[in-house]
Protein backbone atom coordinates (compact mmCIF):
# COMPACT_ATOMS: atom_id res chain seq x y z
CA UNK A 1 7.93 -4.99 -11.46
CA UNK A 2 5.67 -4.24 -8.64
CA UNK A 3 2.07 -4.07 -9.56
CA UNK A 4 -0.68 -2.23 -7.66
CA UNK A 5 -4.15 -2.94 -8.34
CA UNK A 6 -6.97 -0.78 -6.44
CA UNK A 7 -9.64 -2.81 -5.04
CA UNK A 8 -11.85 -0.27 -2.76
CA UNK A 9 -11.95 3.35 -2.26
CA UNK A 10 -13.77 5.63 -0.03
CA UNK A 11 -17.37 6.50 -0.96
CA UNK A 12 -19.16 9.59 0.51
CA UNK A 13 -22.63 9.77 0.16
CA UNK A 14 -25.53 12.37 0.56
CA UNK A 15 -26.42 11.41 4.48
CA UNK A 16 -24.31 14.37 5.49
CA UNK A 17 -27.07 16.51 4.52
CA UNK A 18 -29.56 14.90 6.74
CA UNK A 19 -26.95 15.12 9.63
CA UNK A 20 -26.55 18.97 9.07
CA UNK A 21 -30.10 19.68 8.99
CA UNK A 22 -30.53 17.80 12.24
CA UNK A 23 -27.83 19.47 14.17
CA UNK A 24 -27.36 22.92 12.79
CA UNK A 25 -29.86 25.88 12.35
CA UNK A 26 -31.31 26.29 9.09
CA UNK A 27 -28.90 29.27 8.34
CA UNK A 28 -25.99 26.89 8.89
CA UNK A 29 -27.30 23.73 7.89
CA UNK A 30 -25.55 23.77 4.32
CA UNK A 31 -22.11 23.13 2.96
CA UNK A 32 -20.61 24.92 0.14
CA UNK A 33 -19.00 21.74 -1.39
CA UNK A 34 -16.12 21.75 -4.15
CA UNK A 35 -17.52 20.13 -7.21
CA UNK A 36 -14.01 19.22 -8.20
CA UNK A 37 -13.33 17.21 -5.05
CA UNK A 38 -13.11 13.38 -5.01
CA UNK A 39 -15.24 11.42 -2.50
CA UNK A 40 -12.09 10.74 -0.43
CA UNK A 41 -11.42 14.55 -0.35
CA UNK A 42 -15.00 15.50 0.49
CA UNK A 43 -14.96 12.96 3.45
CA UNK A 44 -11.82 14.50 5.05
CA UNK A 45 -13.09 18.07 4.63
CA UNK A 46 -16.53 17.08 6.26
CA UNK A 47 -14.69 15.28 9.09
CA UNK A 48 -12.52 18.33 9.60
CA UNK A 49 -15.42 20.92 9.29
CA UNK A 50 -17.34 18.70 11.90
CA UNK A 51 -14.66 19.57 14.59
CA UNK A 52 -15.69 23.07 14.61
CA UNK A 53 -19.10 22.83 12.90
CA UNK A 54 -17.69 25.14 10.43
CA UNK A 55 -20.76 25.09 7.85
CA UNK A 56 -22.96 27.67 6.40
CA UNK A 57 -22.09 31.24 7.77
CA UNK A 58 -19.09 29.70 9.61
CA UNK A 59 -17.41 28.21 6.37
CA UNK A 60 -14.26 29.68 5.17
CA UNK A 61 -14.03 30.42 1.39
CA UNK A 62 -11.13 27.77 0.92
CA UNK A 63 -11.27 25.37 -1.95
CA UNK A 64 -11.31 21.70 -0.93
CA UNK A 65 -7.39 21.41 -1.79
CA UNK A 66 -6.58 24.60 0.14
CA UNK A 67 -8.57 23.05 3.25
CA UNK A 68 -6.74 19.85 3.15
CA UNK A 69 -3.36 21.57 2.44
CA UNK A 70 -3.95 23.74 5.63
CA UNK A 71 -4.78 20.45 7.50
CA UNK A 72 -1.49 18.96 6.55
CA UNK A 73 0.62 22.47 7.30
CA UNK A 74 -0.94 22.64 10.77
CA UNK A 75 -0.30 18.82 11.49
CA UNK A 76 -3.87 17.80 11.81
CA UNK A 77 -3.41 14.49 10.29
CA UNK A 78 -5.93 12.44 12.53
CA UNK A 79 -8.69 13.79 10.04
CA UNK A 80 -6.88 12.17 7.34
CA UNK A 81 -7.51 8.59 8.86
CA UNK A 82 -11.17 8.60 7.65
CA UNK A 83 -10.06 8.03 4.05
CA UNK A 84 -8.63 4.38 3.37
CA UNK A 85 -8.00 2.45 0.37
CA UNK A 86 -7.74 -1.28 -0.25
CA UNK A 87 -5.25 -2.45 -2.99
CA UNK A 88 -3.27 -5.72 -3.77
CA UNK A 89 0.28 -5.89 -4.46
CA UNK A 90 1.72 -8.39 -6.52
CA UNK A 91 5.26 -8.84 -8.06
CA UNK A 92 6.82 -8.16 -4.78
CA UNK A 93 9.69 -10.19 -2.83
CA UNK A 94 9.18 -11.78 0.62
CA UNK A 95 11.97 -9.48 1.67
CA UNK A 96 9.93 -6.42 0.65
CA UNK A 97 6.72 -7.69 2.58
CA UNK A 98 8.85 -8.53 5.47
CA UNK A 99 9.60 -4.71 5.53
CA UNK A 100 6.06 -3.53 4.66
CA UNK A 101 4.36 -5.41 7.56
CA UNK A 102 6.33 -3.43 9.98
CA UNK A 103 4.18 -0.67 9.32
CA UNK A 104 1.30 -1.68 11.64
CA UNK A 105 -0.64 1.47 12.67
CA UNK A 106 -3.39 2.18 10.04
CA UNK A 107 -2.35 -0.99 7.77
CA UNK A 108 -4.04 -4.40 7.62
CA UNK A 109 -2.55 -7.20 5.52
CA UNK A 110 -3.64 -10.64 4.09
CA UNK A 111 -0.66 -12.18 2.43
CA UNK A 112 -0.37 -15.38 0.31
CA UNK A 113 0.70 -18.23 2.75
CA UNK A 114 3.58 -20.54 1.87
CA UNK A 115 2.19 -23.06 4.26
CA UNK A 116 -0.79 -23.70 2.03
CA UNK A 117 0.15 -22.70 -1.50
CA UNK A 118 2.38 -24.59 -3.77
CA UNK A 119 5.49 -22.46 -4.46
CA UNK A 120 7.03 -24.74 -7.21
CA UNK A 121 6.45 -22.43 -10.03
CA UNK A 122 6.21 -19.10 -8.02
CA UNK A 123 8.48 -16.59 -9.76
CA UNK A 124 11.47 -14.79 -8.13
CA UNK A 125 11.93 -10.87 -7.91
CA UNK A 126 15.17 -10.11 -9.48
CA UNK A 127 17.11 -7.28 -7.85
CA UNK A 128 18.14 -4.49 -10.60
CA UNK A 129 21.59 -4.28 -8.90
CA UNK A 130 22.62 -7.57 -10.60
CA UNK A 131 22.92 -5.89 -13.96
CA UNK A 132 26.10 -4.64 -12.39
CA UNK A 133 27.94 -7.95 -12.80
CA UNK A 134 27.38 -11.03 -15.12
CA UNK A 135 29.11 -13.20 -12.43
CA UNK A 136 26.66 -11.87 -9.63
CA UNK A 137 23.81 -12.46 -11.98
CA UNK A 138 24.60 -16.02 -12.62
CA UNK A 139 25.25 -16.74 -9.04
CA UNK A 140 21.97 -15.37 -8.24
CA UNK A 141 20.23 -17.54 -11.02
CA UNK A 142 22.09 -20.67 -9.58
CA UNK A 143 20.91 -20.00 -6.24
CA UNK A 144 17.46 -19.49 -7.22
CA UNK A 145 17.48 -22.89 -9.58
CA UNK A 146 19.02 -24.59 -6.42
CA UNK A 147 16.39 -23.62 -4.17
CA UNK A 148 13.39 -24.33 -6.35
CA UNK A 149 14.95 -27.64 -7.11
CA UNK A 150 15.30 -28.43 -3.47
CA UNK A 151 11.77 -27.39 -2.61
CA UNK A 152 10.45 -29.54 -5.53
CA UNK A 153 12.51 -32.57 -4.29
CA UNK A 154 11.24 -32.08 -0.52
CA UNK A 155 7.73 -31.42 -1.80
CA UNK A 156 7.82 -34.69 -3.83
CA UNK A 157 9.64 -36.95 -1.28
CA UNK A 158 7.09 -35.82 1.49
CA UNK A 159 4.19 -36.85 -0.59
CA UNK A 160 2.62 -33.35 -0.84
CA UNK A 161 1.10 -34.15 -4.22
CA UNK A 162 -1.08 -36.85 -2.82
CA UNK A 163 -4.36 -35.24 -1.83
CA UNK A 164 -6.32 -37.10 1.02
CA UNK A 165 -3.58 -39.11 2.08
CA UNK A 166 -2.19 -36.78 4.96
CA UNK A 167 -4.17 -34.87 7.47
CA UNK A 168 -4.37 -30.95 6.94
CA UNK A 169 -2.41 -30.12 9.84
CA UNK A 170 0.34 -32.77 8.77
CA UNK A 171 0.31 -31.17 5.22
CA UNK A 172 0.94 -27.77 6.71
CA UNK A 173 3.89 -28.96 8.59
CA UNK A 174 5.31 -30.72 5.41
CA UNK A 175 4.77 -27.49 3.51
CA UNK A 176 6.40 -25.54 6.02
CA UNK A 177 9.48 -27.81 5.85
CA UNK A 178 9.66 -27.51 2.29
CA UNK A 179 9.21 -23.61 2.22
CA UNK A 180 12.22 -23.21 4.54
CA UNK A 181 14.64 -23.45 1.73
CA UNK A 182 12.82 -20.72 -0.22
CA UNK A 183 14.88 -17.22 -0.58
CA UNK A 184 13.66 -13.85 0.23
CA UNK A 185 13.49 -13.29 -3.41
CA UNK A 186 10.35 -15.45 -3.73
CA UNK A 187 7.48 -13.42 -5.22
CA UNK A 188 4.58 -12.77 -3.00
CA UNK A 189 1.12 -11.26 -3.28
CA UNK A 190 -0.52 -9.15 -0.34
CA UNK A 191 -3.88 -7.33 0.02
CA UNK A 192 -3.40 -4.18 1.94
CA UNK A 193 -5.84 -1.68 3.52
CA UNK A 194 -4.46 1.51 4.66
CA UNK A 195 -5.85 5.01 5.60
CA UNK A 196 -4.40 8.25 4.10
CA UNK A 197 -2.43 9.32 7.07
CA UNK A 198 -0.63 5.97 7.18
CA UNK A 199 0.04 5.99 3.66
CA UNK A 200 1.54 9.45 3.62
CA UNK A 201 3.76 8.10 6.40
CA UNK A 202 4.92 5.25 4.45
CA UNK A 203 5.69 7.48 1.33
CA UNK A 204 7.80 10.08 3.47
CA UNK A 205 9.54 7.13 5.27
CA UNK A 206 10.21 4.52 2.71
CA UNK A 207 9.71 6.37 -0.77
CA UNK A 208 13.09 8.22 -0.45
CA UNK A 209 15.40 5.33 0.78
CA UNK A 210 17.97 5.34 -2.19
CA UNK A 211 19.50 2.11 -1.00
CA UNK A 212 16.13 0.09 -1.27
CA UNK A 213 14.89 -0.07 -4.91
CA UNK A 214 12.15 -2.17 -4.54
CA UNK A 215 10.58 -0.15 -1.73
CA UNK A 216 11.09 2.86 -4.09
CA UNK A 217 9.41 1.08 -6.91
CA UNK A 218 6.42 0.15 -4.71
CA UNK A 219 6.18 3.68 -3.25
CA UNK A 220 6.17 5.40 -6.66
CA UNK A 221 3.66 2.81 -7.95
CA UNK A 222 1.24 3.48 -4.84
CA UNK A 223 1.46 7.24 -5.10
CA UNK A 224 0.73 6.82 -9.02
CA UNK A 225 -2.33 4.84 -8.15
CA UNK A 226 -3.82 6.99 -5.27
CA UNK A 227 -2.79 10.32 -6.39
CA UNK A 228 -5.90 10.41 -8.86
CA UNK A 229 -7.89 9.25 -5.89
CA UNK A 230 -7.40 12.21 -3.90
CA UNK A 231 -4.93 14.80 -5.60
CA UNK A 232 -5.05 17.13 -2.49
CA UNK A 233 -3.89 14.55 -0.19
CA UNK A 234 -0.62 13.80 -2.00
CA UNK A 235 0.06 16.96 -3.59
CA UNK A 236 3.11 17.42 -1.55
CA UNK A 237 4.87 14.30 -2.75
CA UNK A 238 7.09 14.36 -6.03
CA UNK A 239 8.71 11.51 -7.87
CA UNK A 240 12.25 12.15 -9.26
CA UNK A 241 15.04 10.30 -10.54
CA UNK A 242 18.47 10.85 -8.58
CA UNK A 243 20.46 9.42 -11.69
CA UNK A 244 20.01 5.68 -11.21
CA UNK A 245 17.02 5.30 -13.46
CA UNK A 246 14.88 4.40 -10.58
CA UNK A 247 11.86 6.49 -8.84
CA UNK A 248 12.53 8.39 -5.71
CA UNK A 249 9.58 9.77 -3.68
CA UNK A 250 10.14 12.78 -1.71
CA UNK A 251 7.76 15.37 0.03
CA UNK A 252 7.85 18.94 -0.49
CA UNK A 253 6.37 21.93 1.24
CA UNK A 254 2.92 23.00 0.36
């Protein structure tokens, strides 16, 4: 199963108070903050209010959740880019990461390298669809075993277990030759930093693809991890089961 581990989150400090006092008249240099909002939600609301300097007498009576919902309804998504999280994905296949890294705008990646890491004991990610057929599952198991055996033989024969014998770039080239037999099912690990706008786009675009179970599992796990971080930002996403015992992420109207 995919595993999402949160590494870093937005932190919203007290410097905004100094900013307000320096740039607004005394009667407007205050912000009625929603005490229930998280740091990510406060950051987004503050950024949105700066666009109009809607503080003090100019501030609407909306709660933080209502303010963010209004941003989303009106399509003012650029404000959401100020909140970003860093997380590590494990238990995902190379096939999945090939799809994930197509999301470039608002995403940054650092992925485990097969050119430097010994992949002889790295697990494979088994597609759940194989449960439909014992023969299909057996064929998959045999193919995974054969690829691991081929990788091990190539690594052994090319002397990759002899540290110091080969120059670093030669070892990298040989490791690349060995990894060429590895399948898309090989497990990978990737650190991801993404902002709220891009994450929402990913959930909307990828979470509801019924024919991509691994993507659905990751989208649901990501939503489950980030929703407590900023409930207002992800209030319009729900998780359902269309009947295949797999989560499906979809967007609803606020």
